[in-house]
C-alpha atoms as a PDB file:
ATOM      1  CA  MET A   1       0.036   0.175   0.023  1.00  0.00           C
ATOM      2  CA  ALA A   2       0.981   3.644  -0.481  1.00  0.00           C
ATOM      3  CA  GLU A   3       1.632   6.304   2.000  1.00  0.00           C
ATOM      4  CA  ASP A   4      -2.025   7.233   2.201  1.00  0.00           C
ATOM      5  CA  GLY A   5      -3.377   4.012   2.323  1.00  0.00           C
ATOM      6  CA  GLU A   6      -4.837   3.706  -1.861  1.00  0.00           C
ATOM      7  CA  ARG A   7      -3.777   0.596  -3.181  1.00  0.00           C
ATOM      8  CA  VAL A   8      -0.744   0.561  -5.954  1.00  0.00           C
ATOM      9  CA  ILE A   9      -1.230  -1.168  -8.741  1.00  0.00           C
ATOM     10  CA  PRO A  10       2.034  -2.731 -10.507  1.00  0.00           C
ATOM     11  CA  GLU A  11       2.423  -1.790 -14.379  1.00  0.00           C
ATOM     12  CA  ARG A  12       1.537  -4.766 -16.396  1.00  0.00           C
ATOM     13  CA  ARG A  13       2.809  -3.225 -19.832  1.00  0.00           C
ATOM     14  CA  ARG A  14       5.698  -4.908 -22.063  1.00  0.00           C
ATOM     15  CA  PHE A  15       6.221  -2.149 -23.373  1.00  0.00           C
ATOM     16  CA  GLU A  16       6.639   1.608 -22.434  1.00  0.00           C
ATOM     17  CA  ARG A  17       4.075   4.023 -23.877  1.00  0.00           C
ATOM     18  CA  ARG A  18       4.858   7.405 -24.774  1.00  0.00           C
ATOM     19  CA  GLY A  19       2.543  10.514 -25.843  1.00  0.00           C
ATOM     20  CA  PHE A  20       1.094  10.588 -29.014  1.00  0.00           C
ATOM     21  CA  LEU A  21      -2.042  12.571 -30.536  1.00  0.00           C
ATOM     22  CA  SER A  22      -3.209  11.871 -33.855  1.00  0.00           C
ATOM     23  CA  VAL A  23      -6.980  11.997 -35.513  1.00  0.00           C
ATOM     24  CA  VAL A  24      -7.337   8.394 -37.017  1.00  0.00           C
ATOM     25  CA  ARG A  25     -10.145   6.284 -38.855  1.00  0.00           C
ATOM     26  CA  ILE A  26     -10.880   2.606 -37.278  1.00  0.00           C
ATOM     27  CA  GLY A  27     -12.314  -0.206 -39.636  1.00  0.00           C
ATOM     28  CA  GLU A  28     -12.342  -3.690 -41.392  1.00  0.00           C
ATOM     29  CA  ASP A  29     -10.630  -2.375 -44.122  1.00  0.00           C
ATOM     30  CA  VAL A  30      -7.973   0.393 -44.935  1.00  0.00           C
ATOM     31  CA  SER A  31      -9.971   2.217 -47.594  1.00  0.00           C
ATOM     32  CA  LEU A  32     -10.880   5.712 -47.166  1.00  0.00           C
ATOM     33  CA  GLU A  33     -14.433   4.860 -47.160  1.00  0.00           C
ATOM     34  CA  PRO A  34     -16.745   6.771 -43.856  1.00  0.00           C
ATOM     35  CA  LYS A  35     -15.316   4.455 -40.880  1.00  0.00           C
ATOM     36  CA  VAL A  36     -15.136   5.260 -37.077  1.00  0.00           C
ATOM     37  CA  ALA A  37     -13.224   8.378 -36.166  1.00  0.00           C
ATOM     38  CA  ALA A  38     -10.958   8.861 -33.075  1.00  0.00           C
ATOM     39  CA  LYS A  39      -8.060   9.494 -31.433  1.00  0.00           C
ATOM     40  CA  ILE A  40      -4.860   8.043 -30.367  1.00  0.00           C
ATOM     41  CA  LEU A  41      -3.604   9.231 -26.731  1.00  0.00           C
ATOM     42  CA  ASN A  42      -0.460   7.396 -26.527  1.00  0.00           C
ATOM     43  CA  ILE A  43       1.566   4.227 -28.783  1.00  0.00           C
ATOM     44  CA  SER A  44       3.794   1.557 -27.757  1.00  0.00           C
ATOM     45  CA  GLN A  45       6.116  -1.015 -29.805  1.00  0.00           C
ATOM     46  CA  GLY A  46       2.988  -3.467 -28.324  1.00  0.00           C
ATOM     47  CA  GLY A  47       0.162  -1.282 -28.637  1.00  0.00           C
ATOM     48  CA  MET A  48      -2.018   2.213 -28.376  1.00  0.00           C
ATOM     49  CA  TYR A  49      -4.620   3.817 -26.143  1.00  0.00           C
ATOM     50  CA  LEU A  50      -7.367   5.227 -28.547  1.00  0.00           C
ATOM     51  CA  GLU A  51     -10.724   7.187 -27.813  1.00  0.00           C
ATOM     52  CA  ALA A  52     -13.883   6.817 -30.020  1.00  0.00           C
ATOM     53  CA  ASP A  53     -17.913   7.923 -29.251  1.00  0.00           C
ATOM     54  CA  GLU A  54     -18.740   4.357 -31.400  1.00  0.00           C
ATOM     55  CA  ALA A  55     -19.276   1.165 -29.508  1.00  0.00           C
ATOM     56  CA  LEU A  56     -16.495  -1.569 -30.165  1.00  0.00           C
ATOM     57  CA  ASP A  57     -16.798  -5.291 -29.636  1.00  0.00           C
ATOM     58  CA  MET A  58     -14.341  -6.347 -27.959  1.00  0.00           C
ATOM     59  CA  GLY A  59     -11.918  -8.796 -29.342  1.00  0.00           C
ATOM     60  CA  ARG A  60     -12.772  -7.241 -32.568  1.00  0.00           C
ATOM     61  CA  LYS A  61     -10.108  -7.126 -35.074  1.00  0.00           C
ATOM     62  CA  LEU A  62      -9.242  -3.529 -36.517  1.00  0.00           C
ATOM     63  CA  PHE A  63      -7.368  -1.425 -38.880  1.00  0.00           C
ATOM     64  CA  VAL A  64      -6.293   1.530 -37.439  1.00  0.00           C
ATOM     65  CA  SER A  65      -5.417   4.195 -39.935  1.00  0.00           C
ATOM     66  CA  LEU A  66      -2.987   7.196 -38.929  1.00  0.00           C
ATOM     67  CA  LEU A  67      -4.222  10.264 -41.192  1.00  0.00           C
ATOM     68  CA  ASP A  68      -1.854  13.128 -41.930  1.00  0.00           C
ATOM     69  CA  PRO A  69      -2.724  16.941 -41.944  1.00  0.00           C
ATOM     70  CA  GLU A  70      -4.444  17.020 -45.754  1.00  0.00           C
ATOM     71  CA  GLY A  71      -6.753  13.567 -44.278  1.00  0.00           C
ATOM     72  CA  LEU A  72      -4.700  11.198 -46.654  1.00  0.00           C
ATOM     73  CA  ILE A  73      -3.427   7.751 -44.648  1.00  0.00           C
ATOM     74  CA  SER A  74      -0.088   8.047 -42.934  1.00  0.00           C
ATOM     75  CA  ASP A  75       0.713   4.515 -41.267  1.00  0.00           C
ATOM     76  CA  VAL A  76      -1.753   1.440 -41.254  1.00  0.00           C
ATOM     77  CA  TYR A  77      -2.137  -0.527 -37.583  1.00  0.00           C
ATOM     78  CA  PHE A  78      -3.867  -3.719 -37.620  1.00  0.00           C
ATOM     79  CA  GLY A  79      -4.826  -4.671 -33.634  1.00  0.00           C
ATOM     80  CA  GLU A  80      -7.623  -6.625 -31.389  1.00  0.00           C
ATOM     81  CA  ILE A  81      -9.057  -4.716 -28.890  1.00  0.00           C
ATOM     82  CA  ARG A  82      -8.033  -6.185 -25.540  1.00  0.00           C
ATOM     83  CA  TRP A  83      -9.862  -3.963 -23.361  1.00  0.00           C
ATOM     84  CA  GLN A  84     -12.594  -0.993 -22.893  1.00  0.00           C
ATOM     85  CA  LYS A  85     -14.048   1.372 -20.933  1.00  0.00           C
ATOM     86  CA  GLU A  86     -16.677   3.704 -20.754  1.00  0.00           C
ATOM     87  CA  LEU A  87     -15.424   7.386 -20.152  1.00  0.00           C
ATOM     88  CA  ASN A  88     -17.465   9.851 -17.767  1.00  0.00           C
ATOM     89  CA  ASP A  89     -15.537  13.038 -19.272  1.00  0.00           C
ATOM     90  CA  PRO A  90     -17.537  15.457 -21.104  1.00  0.00           C
ATOM     91  CA  TYR A  91     -14.431  16.423 -22.156  1.00  0.00           C
ATOM     92  CA  SER A  92     -13.650  13.181 -23.991  1.00  0.00           C
ATOM     93  CA  ALA A  93     -15.066  10.715 -26.314  1.00  0.00           C
ATOM     94  CA  ARG A  94     -17.514   8.249 -24.731  1.00  0.00           C
ATOM     95  CA  PHE A  95     -15.053   4.997 -25.007  1.00  0.00           C
ATOM     96  CA  GLY A  96     -11.745   4.309 -24.170  1.00  0.00           C
ATOM     97  CA  TYR A  97      -9.769   1.519 -26.430  1.00  0.00           C
ATOM     98  CA  GLY A  98      -6.760  -0.718 -25.216  1.00  0.00           C
ATOM     99  CA  ILE A  99      -5.593  -1.798 -28.991  1.00  0.00           C
ATOM    100  CA  GLU A 100      -2.486  -4.384 -29.238  1.00  0.00           C
ATOM    101  CA  PHE A 101      -0.746  -4.756 -32.719  1.00  0.00           C
ATOM    102  CA  ILE A 102      -0.562  -7.807 -35.008  1.00  0.00           C
ATOM    103  CA  ARG A 103       0.741  -6.071 -37.343  1.00  0.00           C
ATOM    104  CA  HIS A 104       2.077  -2.421 -38.630  1.00  0.00           C
ATOM    105  CA  THR A 105       2.277  -1.574 -42.099  1.00  0.00           C
ATOM    106  CA  PRO A 106       4.308   2.160 -42.335  1.00  0.00           C
ATOM    107  CA  CYS A 107       3.090   3.716 -45.682  1.00  0.00           C
END
């Protein structure tokens, strides 16, 4: 326990996370058709944390396409939703997701 009586939860991440902010599209493929809009808040070698307003199923495999300032795809990750949580913050999206990478395809 911490000195103030709060329980300390050990860090379980395999890779160090770094802050990262990018608008992305999430979908079953990498086309530019309308997809779920989301934003990445941090990323590591093994995965990323992103937020979106749409509810997505745990275990869903999806493409996460990073967009450049012109709205073109600059990087593509393929991963699986490993965890999700509903966010109760009026300044964020409705849901937060932990995505574990399966594959990364630089463009």
